[in-house]
Amino acid sequence: MEELIVYQKMQELLEYGYTALRQFPKSEKFGLAADIKKQMYDVLRFIIIANKRYHKKTTIQELDISHEILRRQIEMAKTLKFLPFRKYEIIITRVDEIGRLIGGWKKKIRERG
């Protein structure tokens, strides 16, 4: 599993995400912050599942959907000013990088199948 770049990048996002989410208002620690954490773990879960499955197409589609939900939640946190702009930039850059890796994985599966 360690050899998957997308897995490593997701681990890095989780580590950074935890520190960034700590400064959410107390009223949102069990709201949007908890939802973002859960979504990050869902993305990680789908990466692991897709890597282990022989038929990957459906799981990678689920991974892509889960990634998009994460992206929208992070954008909402920025809009609501729960995330300072600099932390938002760092997180969204990492989310975009993971998205490109997922897109490449999807393309590779499409070319095979």
C-alpha atoms as a PDB file:
ATOM      1  CA  MET A   1       0.000   0.000   0.000  1.00  0.00           C
ATOM      2  CA  GLU A   2       2.857   2.355   0.825  1.00  0.00           C
ATOM      3  CA  GLU A   3       3.921   2.423  -2.851  1.00  0.00           C
ATOM      4  CA  LEU A   4       0.708   4.151  -3.963  1.00  0.00           C
ATOM      5  CA  ILE A   5       1.428   7.863  -4.322  1.00  0.00           C
ATOM      6  CA  VAL A   6      -2.262   8.732  -3.940  1.00  0.00           C
ATOM      7  CA  TYR A   7      -2.295   6.876  -0.594  1.00  0.00           C
ATOM      8  CA  GLN A   8       0.780   8.765   0.616  1.00  0.00           C
ATOM      9  CA  LYS A   9      -0.687  12.113  -0.481  1.00  0.00           C
ATOM     10  CA  MET A  10      -3.957  11.333   1.292  1.00  0.00           C
ATOM     11  CA  GLN A  11      -2.063  10.501   4.483  1.00  0.00           C
ATOM     12  CA  GLU A  12      -0.301  13.875   4.246  1.00  0.00           C
ATOM     13  CA  LEU A  13      -3.649  15.624   3.715  1.00  0.00           C
ATOM     14  CA  LEU A  14      -5.092  13.895   6.780  1.00  0.00           C
ATOM     15  CA  GLU A  15      -2.149  14.974   8.924  1.00  0.00           C
ATOM     16  CA  TYR A  16      -2.370  18.585   7.780  1.00  0.00           C
ATOM     17  CA  GLY A  17      -6.170  18.570   7.842  1.00  0.00           C
ATOM     18  CA  TYR A  18      -6.246  17.637  11.514  1.00  0.00           C
ATOM     19  CA  THR A  19      -4.126  20.643  12.451  1.00  0.00           C
ATOM     20  CA  ALA A  20      -6.142  23.013  10.257  1.00  0.00           C
ATOM     21  CA  LEU A  21      -9.493  21.767  11.558  1.00  0.00           C
ATOM     22  CA  ARG A  22      -8.463  22.390  15.183  1.00  0.00           C
ATOM     23  CA  GLN A  23      -9.086  26.092  14.778  1.00  0.00           C
ATOM     24  CA  PHE A  24     -12.703  25.733  13.659  1.00  0.00           C
ATOM     25  CA  PRO A  25     -15.145  27.427  16.033  1.00  0.00           C
ATOM     26  CA  LYS A  26     -16.270  25.191  18.904  1.00  0.00           C
ATOM     27  CA  SER A  27     -19.787  25.199  17.483  1.00  0.00           C
ATOM     28  CA  GLU A  28     -18.461  23.483  14.330  1.00  0.00           C
ATOM     29  CA  LYS A  29     -16.067  20.938  15.857  1.00  0.00           C
ATOM     30  CA  PHE A  30     -18.878  18.373  15.815  1.00  0.00           C
ATOM     31  CA  GLY A  31     -20.433  19.769  12.644  1.00  0.00           C
ATOM     32  CA  LEU A  32     -18.506  20.611   9.502  1.00  0.00           C
ATOM     33  CA  ALA A  33     -15.079  19.779  11.001  1.00  0.00           C
ATOM     34  CA  ALA A  34     -16.269  16.273  11.909  1.00  0.00           C
ATOM     35  CA  ASP A  35     -17.855  15.855   8.460  1.00  0.00           C
ATOM     36  CA  ILE A  36     -14.596  16.846   6.738  1.00  0.00           C
ATOM     37  CA  LYS A  37     -12.606  14.391   8.884  1.00  0.00           C
ATOM     38  CA  LYS A  38     -15.052  11.606   8.071  1.00  0.00           C
ATOM     39  CA  GLN A  39     -14.897  12.453   4.368  1.00  0.00           C
ATOM     40  CA  MET A  40     -11.093  12.403   4.409  1.00  0.00           C
ATOM     41  CA  TYR A  41     -11.228   8.912   5.928  1.00  0.00           C
ATOM     42  CA  ASP A  42     -13.815   7.865   3.321  1.00  0.00           C
ATOM     43  CA  VAL A  43     -11.446   8.942   0.537  1.00  0.00           C
ATOM     44  CA  LEU A  44      -8.618   7.006   2.201  1.00  0.00           C
ATOM     45  CA  ARG A  45     -10.907   3.985   2.581  1.00  0.00           C
ATOM     46  CA  PHE A  46     -11.841   4.016  -1.117  1.00  0.00           C
ATOM     47  CA  ILE A  47      -8.156   4.296  -2.079  1.00  0.00           C
ATOM     48  CA  ILE A  48      -7.404   1.171  -0.053  1.00  0.00           C
ATOM     49  CA  ILE A  49     -10.420  -0.717  -1.418  1.00  0.00           C
ATOM     50  CA  ALA A  50      -9.664   0.239  -5.026  1.00  0.00           C
ATOM     51  CA  ASN A  51      -6.075  -0.877  -4.625  1.00  0.00           C
ATOM     52  CA  LYS A  52      -7.154  -4.282  -3.294  1.00  0.00           C
ATOM     53  CA  ARG A  53      -9.975  -5.018  -5.751  1.00  0.00           C
ATOM     54  CA  TYR A  54      -9.465  -6.811  -9.033  1.00  0.00           C
ATOM     55  CA  HIS A  55     -12.317  -4.899 -10.714  1.00  0.00           C
ATOM     56  CA  LYS A  56     -11.582  -1.314  -9.767  1.00  0.00           C
ATOM     57  CA  LYS A  57     -13.849   0.772 -12.011  1.00  0.00           C
ATOM     58  CA  THR A  58     -16.868   1.147  -9.696  1.00  0.00           C
ATOM     59  CA  THR A  59     -14.744   1.699  -6.606  1.00  0.00           C
ATOM     60  CA  ILE A  60     -12.673   4.380  -8.325  1.00  0.00           C
ATOM     61  CA  GLN A  61     -15.902   6.104  -9.367  1.00  0.00           C
ATOM     62  CA  GLU A  62     -16.973   6.046  -5.697  1.00  0.00           C
ATOM     63  CA  LEU A  63     -13.535   7.376  -4.757  1.00  0.00           C
ATOM     64  CA  ASP A  64     -13.941  10.224  -7.247  1.00  0.00           C
ATOM     65  CA  ILE A  65     -17.372  11.107  -5.824  1.00  0.00           C
ATOM     66  CA  SER A  66     -16.074  11.008  -2.257  1.00  0.00           C
ATOM     67  CA  HIS A  67     -13.162  13.246  -3.260  1.00  0.00           C
ATOM     68  CA  GLU A  68     -15.542  15.769  -4.841  1.00  0.00           C
ATOM     69  CA  ILE A  69     -17.664  15.881  -1.672  1.00  0.00           C
ATOM     70  CA  LEU A  70     -14.504  16.542   0.357  1.00  0.00           C
ATOM     71  CA  ARG A  71     -13.565  19.372  -2.010  1.00  0.00           C
ATOM     72  CA  ARG A  72     -17.000  20.998  -1.609  1.00  0.00           C
ATOM     73  CA  GLN A  73     -16.897  20.703   2.189  1.00  0.00           C
ATOM     74  CA  ILE A  74     -13.506  22.409   2.295  1.00  0.00           C
ATOM     75  CA  GLU A  75     -14.785  25.165   0.009  1.00  0.00           C
ATOM     76  CA  MET A  76     -17.753  25.627   2.355  1.00  0.00           C
ATOM     77  CA  ALA A  77     -15.380  25.931   5.332  1.00  0.00           C
ATOM     78  CA  LYS A  78     -13.526  28.696   3.492  1.00  0.00           C
ATOM     79  CA  THR A  79     -16.754  30.463   2.524  1.00  0.00           C
ATOM     80  CA  LEU A  80     -17.926  30.382   6.146  1.00  0.00           C
ATOM     81  CA  LYS A  81     -14.480  31.696   7.191  1.00  0.00           C
ATOM     82  CA  PHE A  82     -13.756  28.684   9.400  1.00  0.00           C
ATOM     83  CA  LEU A  83     -10.469  28.177   7.516  1.00  0.00           C
ATOM     84  CA  PRO A  84      -7.989  31.024   7.103  1.00  0.00           C
ATOM     85  CA  PHE A  85      -7.173  31.633   3.444  1.00  0.00           C
ATOM     86  CA  ARG A  86      -3.564  30.387   3.746  1.00  0.00           C
ATOM     87  CA  LYS A  87      -4.616  27.068   5.291  1.00  0.00           C
ATOM     88  CA  TYR A  88      -7.365  26.776   2.680  1.00  0.00           C
ATOM     89  CA  GLU A  89      -4.770  27.257  -0.082  1.00  0.00           C
ATOM     90  CA  ILE A  90      -2.574  24.512   1.348  1.00  0.00           C
ATOM     91  CA  ILE A  91      -5.446  22.064   1.812  1.00  0.00           C
ATOM     92  CA  ILE A  92      -7.070  22.723  -1.572  1.00  0.00           C
ATOM     93  CA  THR A  93      -3.706  22.355  -3.332  1.00  0.00           C
ATOM     94  CA  ARG A  94      -3.318  18.928  -1.745  1.00  0.00           C
ATOM     95  CA  VAL A  95      -6.917  18.002  -2.565  1.00  0.00           C
ATOM     96  CA  ASP A  96      -6.336  19.040  -6.195  1.00  0.00           C
ATOM     97  CA  GLU A  97      -3.184  16.928  -6.372  1.00  0.00           C
ATOM     98  CA  ILE A  98      -5.081  13.908  -5.063  1.00  0.00           C
ATOM     99  CA  GLY A  99      -7.822  14.632  -7.617  1.00  0.00           C
ATOM    100  CA  ARG A 100      -5.302  14.571 -10.453  1.00  0.00           C
ATOM    101  CA  LEU A 101      -3.937  11.251  -9.196  1.00  0.00           C
ATOM    102  CA  ILE A 102      -7.459   9.807  -9.034  1.00  0.00           C
ATOM    103  CA  GLY A 103      -8.120  11.104 -12.562  1.00  0.00           C
ATOM    104  CA  GLY A 104      -4.976   9.382 -13.812  1.00  0.00           C
ATOM    105  CA  TRP A 105      -6.041   6.166 -12.107  1.00  0.00           C
ATOM    106  CA  LYS A 106      -9.476   6.399 -13.748  1.00  0.00           C
ATOM    107  CA  LYS A 107      -7.888   6.974 -17.156  1.00  0.00           C
ATOM    108  CA  LYS A 108      -5.562   3.995 -16.709  1.00  0.00           C
ATOM    109  CA  ILE A 109      -8.501   1.729 -15.798  1.00  0.00           C
ATOM    110  CA  ARG A 110     -10.534   3.031 -18.752  1.00  0.00           C
ATOM    111  CA  GLU A 111      -7.677   2.300 -21.171  1.00  0.00           C
ATOM    112  CA  ARG A 112      -7.346  -1.257 -19.877  1.00  0.00           C
ATOM    113  CA  GLY A 113     -11.028  -2.041 -19.880  1.00  0.00           C
END
